[in-house]
Amino acid sequence: MRLILIAVGKSRPGPAKDLLEQYRSRLRPPLVLIEVEERRPLAGSALARREGELLLDQLRRRQVKIGSRPVATALDERGEALDTRAFARRLAGWRDRGVEEVAFLIGGADGLDPAVKAAADLLLSLGPMTWPHLLVRGLLVEQLYRAQQILAGHPYHRG
């Protein structure tokens, strides 16, 4: 099962990107990162709507490429808060059902457009705190790696 991260914004050199790459390189198969960015100076809901269009367009492209729709998991502070083992079980369930791809969608600073949330199979929360969207990438990918290690029976996860 391939893991795809479709995220608003471009990674820039620095600690957040280093964290992402540290865990991304450990995943097998490696995580595919797709970044989208709106360069026009749109404000608030107009920007979130445009970013949502860009995220959903990438999701559709994945569907065309693999011949089936990826499971779409959108990160949202009001989503379902899973502990790490429950997250691993969710991933295992998708894998065991033959899901080819799981796409994780991360919005920009103004959050996710309602259309992205409506298209998601799962709204996932990393907790009630607000995190910078570039840092969320590293947090998510570490949890993906941790879940992969749990499912492999590796002692990385001690919690």
N, C-alpha and C. Protein backbone atom coordinates (compact mmCIF):
# COMPACT_ATOMS: atom_id res chain seq x y z
N MET A 1 0.85 -1.17 0.00
CA MET A 1 0.00 0.00 0.00
C MET A 1 0.90 1.24 0.00
N ARG A 2 0.66 2.10 -0.96
CA ARG A 2 1.44 3.33 -1.05
C ARG A 2 0.80 4.42 -0.19
N LEU A 3 1.65 5.22 0.41
CA LEU A 3 1.21 6.37 1.20
C LEU A 3 1.60 7.64 0.46
N ILE A 4 0.61 8.51 0.30
CA ILE A 4 0.80 9.76 -0.44
C ILE A 4 0.50 10.90 0.51
N LEU A 5 1.31 11.93 0.48
CA LEU A 5 1.04 13.14 1.23
C LEU A 5 0.85 14.26 0.23
N ILE A 6 -0.36 14.82 0.20
CA ILE A 6 -0.67 15.94 -0.68
C ILE A 6 -0.86 17.14 0.23
N ALA A 7 0.04 18.11 0.12
CA ALA A 7 0.06 19.20 1.09
C ALA A 7 0.17 20.56 0.43
N VAL A 8 -0.48 21.53 1.05
CA VAL A 8 -0.40 22.92 0.60
C VAL A 8 0.92 23.50 1.09
N GLY A 9 1.60 24.22 0.22
CA GLY A 9 2.84 24.90 0.58
C GLY A 9 4.06 24.12 0.13
N LYS A 10 5.12 24.84 -0.07
CA LYS A 10 6.38 24.24 -0.50
C LYS A 10 7.33 24.14 0.69
N SER A 11 7.92 22.99 0.85
CA SER A 11 8.92 22.80 1.91
C SER A 11 10.13 23.67 1.62
N ARG A 12 10.64 24.27 2.66
CA ARG A 12 11.86 25.06 2.55
C ARG A 12 12.90 24.42 3.47
N PRO A 13 14.17 24.59 3.16
CA PRO A 13 15.19 24.02 4.05
C PRO A 13 15.01 24.51 5.48
N GLY A 14 15.21 23.59 6.42
CA GLY A 14 15.09 23.94 7.82
C GLY A 14 14.64 22.75 8.64
N PRO A 15 14.42 22.96 9.94
CA PRO A 15 14.10 21.85 10.84
C PRO A 15 12.81 21.10 10.48
N ALA A 16 11.77 21.79 10.03
CA ALA A 16 10.51 21.11 9.69
C ALA A 16 10.72 20.16 8.51
N LYS A 17 11.44 20.61 7.51
CA LYS A 17 11.71 19.75 6.35
C LYS A 17 12.64 18.60 6.75
N ASP A 18 13.62 18.88 7.60
CA ASP A 18 14.53 17.82 8.06
C ASP A 18 13.75 16.72 8.78
N LEU A 19 12.81 17.12 9.63
CA LEU A 19 12.00 16.14 10.35
C LEU A 19 11.19 15.28 9.37
N LEU A 20 10.54 15.94 8.41
CA LEU A 20 9.78 15.22 7.40
C LEU A 20 10.67 14.22 6.67
N GLU A 21 11.81 14.67 6.22
CA GLU A 21 12.68 13.80 5.41
C GLU A 21 13.28 12.67 6.25
N GLN A 22 13.54 12.92 7.53
CA GLN A 22 14.08 11.87 8.39
C GLN A 22 13.15 10.67 8.43
N TYR A 23 11.85 10.91 8.62
CA TYR A 23 10.90 9.79 8.71
C TYR A 23 10.43 9.33 7.34
N ARG A 24 10.35 10.23 6.41
CA ARG A 24 9.95 9.84 5.05
C ARG A 24 10.91 8.81 4.48
N SER A 25 12.21 9.00 4.73
CA SER A 25 13.22 8.08 4.19
C SER A 25 13.14 6.70 4.83
N ARG A 26 12.53 6.60 6.01
CA ARG A 26 12.43 5.31 6.70
C ARG A 26 11.24 4.47 6.24
N LEU A 27 10.23 5.10 5.68
CA LEU A 27 9.03 4.38 5.28
C LEU A 27 9.30 3.46 4.09
N ARG A 28 8.65 2.30 4.09
CA ARG A 28 8.74 1.35 2.98
C ARG A 28 7.35 0.92 2.58
N PRO A 29 6.95 1.12 1.33
CA PRO A 29 7.67 1.88 0.33
C PRO A 29 7.73 3.36 0.73
N PRO A 30 8.66 4.11 0.13
CA PRO A 30 8.79 5.52 0.50
C PRO A 30 7.50 6.30 0.24
N LEU A 31 7.23 7.24 1.11
CA LEU A 31 6.07 8.12 0.98
C LEU A 31 6.26 9.03 -0.24
N VAL A 32 5.19 9.21 -1.00
CA VAL A 32 5.19 10.14 -2.12
C VAL A 32 4.69 11.48 -1.60
N LEU A 33 5.46 12.54 -1.82
CA LEU A 33 5.09 13.89 -1.39
C LEU A 33 4.70 14.70 -2.62
N ILE A 34 3.50 15.26 -2.58
CA ILE A 34 3.03 16.15 -3.63
C ILE A 34 2.68 17.48 -2.98
N GLU A 35 3.33 18.53 -3.40
CA GLU A 35 3.08 19.86 -2.84
C GLU A 35 2.33 20.71 -3.85
N VAL A 36 1.35 21.45 -3.35
CA VAL A 36 0.59 22.37 -4.19
C VAL A 36 0.68 23.76 -3.56
N GLU A 37 0.62 24.76 -4.40
CA GLU A 37 0.73 26.11 -3.87
C GLU A 37 -0.02 27.09 -4.77
N GLU A 38 -0.79 27.94 -4.16
CA GLU A 38 -1.45 29.04 -4.87
C GLU A 38 -0.61 30.28 -4.64
N ARG A 39 -0.15 30.87 -5.72
CA ARG A 39 0.74 32.03 -5.60
C ARG A 39 -0.01 33.36 -5.66
N ARG A 40 -1.26 33.33 -6.10
CA ARG A 40 -2.01 34.59 -6.14
C ARG A 40 -2.33 35.04 -4.72
N PRO A 41 -2.36 36.35 -4.49
CA PRO A 41 -2.64 36.86 -3.13
C PRO A 41 -4.13 36.84 -2.80
N LEU A 42 -4.66 35.65 -2.56
CA LEU A 42 -6.06 35.52 -2.18
C LEU A 42 -6.18 35.58 -0.67
N ALA A 43 -7.34 35.95 -0.19
CA ALA A 43 -7.52 36.10 1.26
C ALA A 43 -8.49 35.06 1.80
N GLY A 44 -8.24 34.63 3.05
CA GLY A 44 -9.17 33.81 3.83
C GLY A 44 -9.83 32.67 3.12
N SER A 45 -11.15 32.74 3.04
CA SER A 45 -11.92 31.63 2.48
C SER A 45 -11.65 31.43 0.98
N ALA A 46 -11.33 32.51 0.25
CA ALA A 46 -11.00 32.37 -1.17
C ALA A 46 -9.71 31.57 -1.34
N LEU A 47 -8.76 31.81 -0.47
CA LEU A 47 -7.50 31.06 -0.53
C LEU A 47 -7.73 29.60 -0.15
N ALA A 48 -8.47 29.36 0.92
CA ALA A 48 -8.76 27.99 1.34
C ALA A 48 -9.52 27.24 0.24
N ARG A 49 -10.45 27.92 -0.43
CA ARG A 49 -11.21 27.29 -1.50
C ARG A 49 -10.28 26.90 -2.65
N ARG A 50 -9.38 27.81 -3.04
CA ARG A 50 -8.46 27.53 -4.14
C ARG A 50 -7.49 26.40 -3.77
N GLU A 51 -6.98 26.45 -2.54
CA GLU A 51 -6.09 25.38 -2.10
C GLU A 51 -6.83 24.05 -2.08
N GLY A 52 -8.09 24.07 -1.70
CA GLY A 52 -8.91 22.86 -1.73
C GLY A 52 -9.04 22.31 -3.13
N GLU A 53 -9.23 23.19 -4.09
CA GLU A 53 -9.31 22.75 -5.50
C GLU A 53 -8.00 22.08 -5.92
N LEU A 54 -6.89 22.66 -5.50
CA LEU A 54 -5.58 22.08 -5.86
C LEU A 54 -5.39 20.71 -5.21
N LEU A 55 -5.78 20.57 -3.95
CA LEU A 55 -5.68 19.27 -3.27
C LEU A 55 -6.56 18.22 -3.95
N LEU A 56 -7.81 18.58 -4.22
CA LEU A 56 -8.73 17.64 -4.85
C LEU A 56 -8.32 17.28 -6.26
N ASP A 57 -7.71 18.24 -6.98
CA ASP A 57 -7.21 17.95 -8.32
C ASP A 57 -6.11 16.89 -8.26
N GLN A 58 -5.23 16.99 -7.28
CA GLN A 58 -4.17 15.99 -7.13
C GLN A 58 -4.75 14.63 -6.76
N LEU A 59 -5.78 14.64 -5.93
CA LEU A 59 -6.44 13.38 -5.57
C LEU A 59 -7.05 12.72 -6.80
N ARG A 60 -7.68 13.53 -7.66
CA ARG A 60 -8.24 12.99 -8.91
C ARG A 60 -7.14 12.45 -9.82
N ARG A 61 -6.02 13.15 -9.89
CA ARG A 61 -4.90 12.67 -10.71
C ARG A 61 -4.39 11.31 -10.23
N ARG A 62 -4.34 11.13 -8.91
CA ARG A 62 -3.92 9.84 -8.36
C ARG A 62 -4.91 8.76 -8.78
N GLN A 63 -6.21 9.08 -8.77
CA GLN A 63 -7.23 8.12 -9.16
C GLN A 63 -7.03 7.69 -10.59
N VAL A 64 -6.76 8.63 -11.47
CA VAL A 64 -6.52 8.32 -12.88
C VAL A 64 -5.27 7.46 -13.01
N LYS A 65 -4.22 7.81 -12.26
CA LYS A 65 -2.95 7.09 -12.37
C LYS A 65 -3.05 5.65 -11.92
N ILE A 66 -3.75 5.40 -10.81
CA ILE A 66 -3.78 4.03 -10.28
C ILE A 66 -5.04 3.26 -10.65
N GLY A 67 -6.03 3.94 -11.22
CA GLY A 67 -7.24 3.26 -11.66
C GLY A 67 -8.29 3.08 -10.59
N SER A 68 -8.02 3.55 -9.38
CA SER A 68 -9.01 3.52 -8.31
C SER A 68 -8.76 4.73 -7.41
N ARG A 69 -9.79 5.10 -6.68
CA ARG A 69 -9.66 6.28 -5.84
C ARG A 69 -8.86 5.94 -4.58
N PRO A 70 -7.83 6.74 -4.28
CA PRO A 70 -7.13 6.52 -3.01
C PRO A 70 -8.06 6.78 -1.83
N VAL A 71 -7.82 6.13 -0.72
CA VAL A 71 -8.51 6.49 0.51
C VAL A 71 -7.99 7.87 0.89
N ALA A 72 -8.88 8.81 1.07
CA ALA A 72 -8.49 10.19 1.37
C ALA A 72 -8.65 10.46 2.86
N THR A 73 -7.56 10.84 3.49
CA THR A 73 -7.55 11.19 4.90
C THR A 73 -7.13 12.64 5.01
N ALA A 74 -8.05 13.48 5.47
CA ALA A 74 -7.77 14.91 5.59
C ALA A 74 -7.45 15.23 7.04
N LEU A 75 -6.38 15.97 7.26
CA LEU A 75 -6.03 16.36 8.62
C LEU A 75 -6.77 17.62 8.99
N ASP A 76 -7.50 17.53 10.10
CA ASP A 76 -8.34 18.64 10.56
C ASP A 76 -8.44 18.57 12.07
N GLU A 77 -8.32 19.69 12.71
CA GLU A 77 -8.34 19.70 14.19
C GLU A 77 -9.65 19.19 14.78
N ARG A 78 -10.72 19.20 14.00
CA ARG A 78 -12.00 18.68 14.48
C ARG A 78 -12.24 17.24 14.03
N GLY A 79 -11.22 16.60 13.50
CA GLY A 79 -11.35 15.23 13.05
C GLY A 79 -11.26 14.24 14.18
N GLU A 80 -11.22 12.97 13.80
CA GLU A 80 -11.14 11.88 14.77
C GLU A 80 -9.72 11.80 15.34
N ALA A 81 -9.62 11.79 16.64
CA ALA A 81 -8.32 11.68 17.31
C ALA A 81 -8.07 10.21 17.64
N LEU A 82 -7.13 9.62 16.94
CA LEU A 82 -6.79 8.22 17.15
C LEU A 82 -5.48 8.13 17.92
N ASP A 83 -5.39 7.18 18.85
CA ASP A 83 -4.08 6.96 19.43
C ASP A 83 -3.25 6.20 18.39
N THR A 84 -1.97 6.05 18.67
CA THR A 84 -1.06 5.49 17.68
C THR A 84 -1.43 4.06 17.28
N ARG A 85 -1.80 3.25 18.25
CA ARG A 85 -2.16 1.86 17.92
C ARG A 85 -3.45 1.79 17.09
N ALA A 86 -4.41 2.64 17.41
CA ALA A 86 -5.65 2.68 16.62
C ALA A 86 -5.36 3.17 15.20
N PHE A 87 -4.45 4.11 15.06
CA PHE A 87 -4.03 4.59 13.75
C PHE A 87 -3.39 3.45 12.97
N ALA A 88 -2.53 2.68 13.62
CA ALA A 88 -1.89 1.54 12.97
C ALA A 88 -2.94 0.51 12.53
N ARG A 89 -3.92 0.27 13.40
CA ARG A 89 -4.99 -0.69 13.04
C ARG A 89 -5.79 -0.18 11.84
N ARG A 90 -6.06 1.12 11.77
CA ARG A 90 -6.79 1.68 10.63
C ARG A 90 -6.00 1.46 9.34
N LEU A 91 -4.70 1.75 9.38
CA LEU A 91 -3.86 1.53 8.21
C LEU A 91 -3.84 0.04 7.82
N ALA A 92 -3.74 -0.83 8.82
CA ALA A 92 -3.74 -2.28 8.54
C ALA A 92 -5.06 -2.72 7.91
N GLY A 93 -6.16 -2.15 8.38
CA GLY A 93 -7.46 -2.49 7.80
C GLY A 93 -7.54 -2.12 6.34
N TRP A 94 -7.04 -0.94 6.00
CA TRP A 94 -7.04 -0.54 4.59
C TRP A 94 -6.13 -1.46 3.78
N ARG A 95 -4.96 -1.73 4.32
CA ARG A 95 -4.02 -2.63 3.63
C ARG A 95 -4.65 -3.99 3.40
N ASP A 96 -5.29 -4.53 4.44
CA ASP A 96 -5.88 -5.87 4.35
C ASP A 96 -7.08 -5.92 3.40
N ARG A 97 -7.73 -4.79 3.17
CA ARG A 97 -8.83 -4.73 2.20
C ARG A 97 -8.33 -4.52 0.78
N GLY A 98 -7.02 -4.41 0.61
CA GLY A 98 -6.46 -4.27 -0.73
C GLY A 98 -6.40 -2.84 -1.25
N VAL A 99 -6.50 -1.86 -0.36
CA VAL A 99 -6.39 -0.46 -0.78
C VAL A 99 -5.00 -0.24 -1.36
N GLU A 100 -4.96 0.35 -2.56
CA GLU A 100 -3.66 0.58 -3.21
C GLU A 100 -2.94 1.79 -2.65
N GLU A 101 -3.70 2.87 -2.39
CA GLU A 101 -3.10 4.10 -1.91
C GLU A 101 -3.95 4.75 -0.83
N VAL A 102 -3.27 5.35 0.13
CA VAL A 102 -3.91 6.22 1.11
C VAL A 102 -3.27 7.58 0.93
N ALA A 103 -4.10 8.57 0.68
CA ALA A 103 -3.63 9.94 0.48
C ALA A 103 -3.99 10.77 1.70
N PHE A 104 -2.99 11.41 2.28
CA PHE A 104 -3.19 12.31 3.41
C PHE A 104 -3.16 13.73 2.88
N LEU A 105 -4.18 14.50 3.22
CA LEU A 105 -4.34 15.86 2.71
C LEU A 105 -4.13 16.85 3.83
N ILE A 106 -3.20 17.79 3.63
CA ILE A 106 -2.92 18.83 4.62
C ILE A 106 -3.14 20.18 3.96
N GLY A 107 -4.01 20.97 4.58
CA GLY A 107 -4.31 22.30 4.05
C GLY A 107 -3.27 23.32 4.46
N GLY A 108 -3.57 24.55 4.12
CA GLY A 108 -2.68 25.65 4.43
C GLY A 108 -3.05 26.33 5.74
N ALA A 109 -2.53 27.52 5.91
CA ALA A 109 -2.71 28.26 7.16
C ALA A 109 -4.18 28.57 7.46
N ASP A 110 -5.01 28.66 6.44
CA ASP A 110 -6.43 28.97 6.64
C ASP A 110 -7.29 27.71 6.75
N GLY A 111 -6.66 26.56 6.85
CA GLY A 111 -7.40 25.32 7.03
C GLY A 111 -7.88 24.72 5.72
N LEU A 112 -8.71 23.70 5.86
CA LEU A 112 -9.24 22.97 4.70
C LEU A 112 -10.58 23.53 4.26
N ASP A 113 -10.75 23.60 2.98
CA ASP A 113 -12.03 23.98 2.40
C ASP A 113 -13.05 22.88 2.71
N PRO A 114 -14.32 23.25 2.95
CA PRO A 114 -15.34 22.24 3.21
C PRO A 114 -15.44 21.15 2.14
N ALA A 115 -15.13 21.47 0.90
CA ALA A 115 -15.19 20.46 -0.17
C ALA A 115 -14.15 19.36 0.05
N VAL A 116 -13.01 19.70 0.60
CA VAL A 116 -11.98 18.69 0.89
C VAL A 116 -12.46 17.80 2.03
N LYS A 117 -13.01 18.41 3.05
CA LYS A 117 -13.52 17.63 4.18
C LYS A 117 -14.62 16.69 3.73
N ALA A 118 -15.50 17.16 2.85
CA ALA A 118 -16.60 16.34 2.35
C ALA A 118 -16.09 15.17 1.51
N ALA A 119 -14.98 15.36 0.82
CA ALA A 119 -14.43 14.31 -0.04
C ALA A 119 -13.62 13.28 0.74
N ALA A 120 -13.27 13.59 1.97
CA ALA A 120 -12.40 12.72 2.75
C ALA A 120 -13.14 11.50 3.27
N ASP A 121 -12.46 10.38 3.28
CA ASP A 121 -12.98 9.16 3.88
C ASP A 121 -12.79 9.20 5.40
N LEU A 122 -11.79 9.94 5.83
CA LEU A 122 -11.51 10.09 7.25
C LEU A 122 -11.00 11.50 7.51
N LEU A 123 -11.56 12.15 8.52
CA LEU A 123 -10.99 13.40 9.04
C LEU A 123 -10.19 13.00 10.26
N LEU A 124 -8.91 13.30 10.23
CA LEU A 124 -7.99 12.88 11.28
C LEU A 124 -7.43 14.09 12.00
N SER A 125 -7.47 14.04 13.32
CA SER A 125 -6.91 15.11 14.14
C SER A 125 -5.63 14.64 14.80
N LEU A 126 -4.64 15.51 14.85
CA LEU A 126 -3.43 15.23 15.61
C LEU A 126 -3.54 15.83 17.00
N GLY A 127 -4.75 16.21 17.38
CA GLY A 127 -4.99 16.78 18.70
C GLY A 127 -5.66 18.13 18.58
N PRO A 128 -6.11 18.67 19.70
CA PRO A 128 -6.86 19.92 19.66
C PRO A 128 -6.01 21.17 19.45
N MET A 129 -4.70 21.05 19.57
CA MET A 129 -3.84 22.22 19.36
C MET A 129 -3.72 22.52 17.87
N THR A 130 -3.45 23.76 17.57
CA THR A 130 -3.20 24.18 16.19
C THR A 130 -1.70 24.08 15.93
N TRP A 131 -1.35 23.39 14.85
CA TRP A 131 0.05 23.21 14.49
C TRP A 131 0.35 23.91 13.17
N PRO A 132 1.56 24.42 12.97
CA PRO A 132 1.94 24.97 11.66
C PRO A 132 1.83 23.87 10.61
N HIS A 133 1.24 24.19 9.46
CA HIS A 133 0.98 23.14 8.47
C HIS A 133 2.27 22.48 7.97
N LEU A 134 3.39 23.18 7.96
CA LEU A 134 4.64 22.54 7.53
C LEU A 134 5.17 21.59 8.60
N LEU A 135 4.92 21.87 9.87
CA LEU A 135 5.33 20.98 10.95
C LEU A 135 4.45 19.74 11.00
N VAL A 136 3.18 19.88 10.66
CA VAL A 136 2.24 18.75 10.67
C VAL A 136 2.74 17.63 9.76
N ARG A 137 3.40 17.98 8.69
CA ARG A 137 3.94 16.96 7.78
C ARG A 137 4.86 16.00 8.52
N GLY A 138 5.81 16.56 9.26
CA GLY A 138 6.75 15.73 10.00
C GLY A 138 6.07 14.91 11.09
N LEU A 139 5.12 15.54 11.78
CA LEU A 139 4.38 14.81 12.83
C LEU A 139 3.62 13.63 12.24
N LEU A 140 2.93 13.87 11.13
CA LEU A 140 2.17 12.80 10.48
C LEU A 140 3.08 11.68 9.99
N VAL A 141 4.16 12.04 9.33
CA VAL A 141 5.03 11.02 8.74
C VAL A 141 5.72 10.21 9.84
N GLU A 142 6.04 10.84 10.97
CA GLU A 142 6.58 10.06 12.08
C GLU A 142 5.54 9.05 12.56
N GLN A 143 4.28 9.44 12.64
CA GLN A 143 3.23 8.52 13.07
C GLN A 143 3.02 7.40 12.04
N LEU A 144 3.16 7.71 10.78
CA LEU A 144 3.08 6.67 9.75
C LEU A 144 4.22 5.66 9.92
N TYR A 145 5.41 6.17 10.17
CA TYR A 145 6.55 5.27 10.40
C TYR A 145 6.32 4.44 11.66
N ARG A 146 5.85 5.08 12.72
CA ARG A 146 5.59 4.39 13.98
C ARG A 146 4.55 3.29 13.77
N ALA A 147 3.48 3.61 13.04
CA ALA A 147 2.44 2.62 12.76
C ALA A 147 3.01 1.46 11.95
N GLN A 148 3.85 1.78 10.99
CA GLN A 148 4.47 0.72 10.19
C GLN A 148 5.31 -0.20 11.08
N GLN A 149 6.01 0.37 12.03
CA GLN A 149 6.85 -0.43 12.94
C GLN A 149 5.99 -1.28 13.88
N ILE A 150 4.89 -0.72 14.35
CA ILE A 150 3.96 -1.49 15.19
C ILE A 150 3.46 -2.71 14.43
N LEU A 151 3.04 -2.48 13.18
CA LEU A 151 2.49 -3.57 12.38
C LEU A 151 3.54 -4.63 12.04
N ALA A 152 4.80 -4.21 12.02
CA ALA A 152 5.90 -5.15 11.73
C ALA A 152 6.38 -5.85 13.00
N GLY A 153 5.84 -5.48 14.16
CA GLY A 153 6.27 -6.08 15.41
C GLY A 153 7.62 -5.57 15.91
N HIS A 154 8.05 -4.42 15.41
CA HIS A 154 9.33 -3.84 15.79
C HIS A 154 9.17 -3.06 17.11
N PRO A 155 10.17 -3.05 17.97
CA PRO A 155 10.03 -2.39 19.26
C PRO A 155 10.16 -0.87 19.24
N TYR A 156 10.17 -0.22 18.08
CA TYR A 156 10.28 1.25 18.02
C TYR A 156 9.23 1.92 18.89
N HIS A 157 7.99 1.45 18.84
CA HIS A 157 6.91 2.04 19.63
C HIS A 157 6.89 1.40 21.01
N ARG A 158 7.06 2.21 22.01
CA ARG A 158 7.07 1.69 23.39
C ARG A 158 5.91 2.20 24.20
N GLY A 159 5.00 2.97 23.56
CA GLY A 159 3.93 3.62 24.30
C GLY A 159 2.75 2.78 24.62
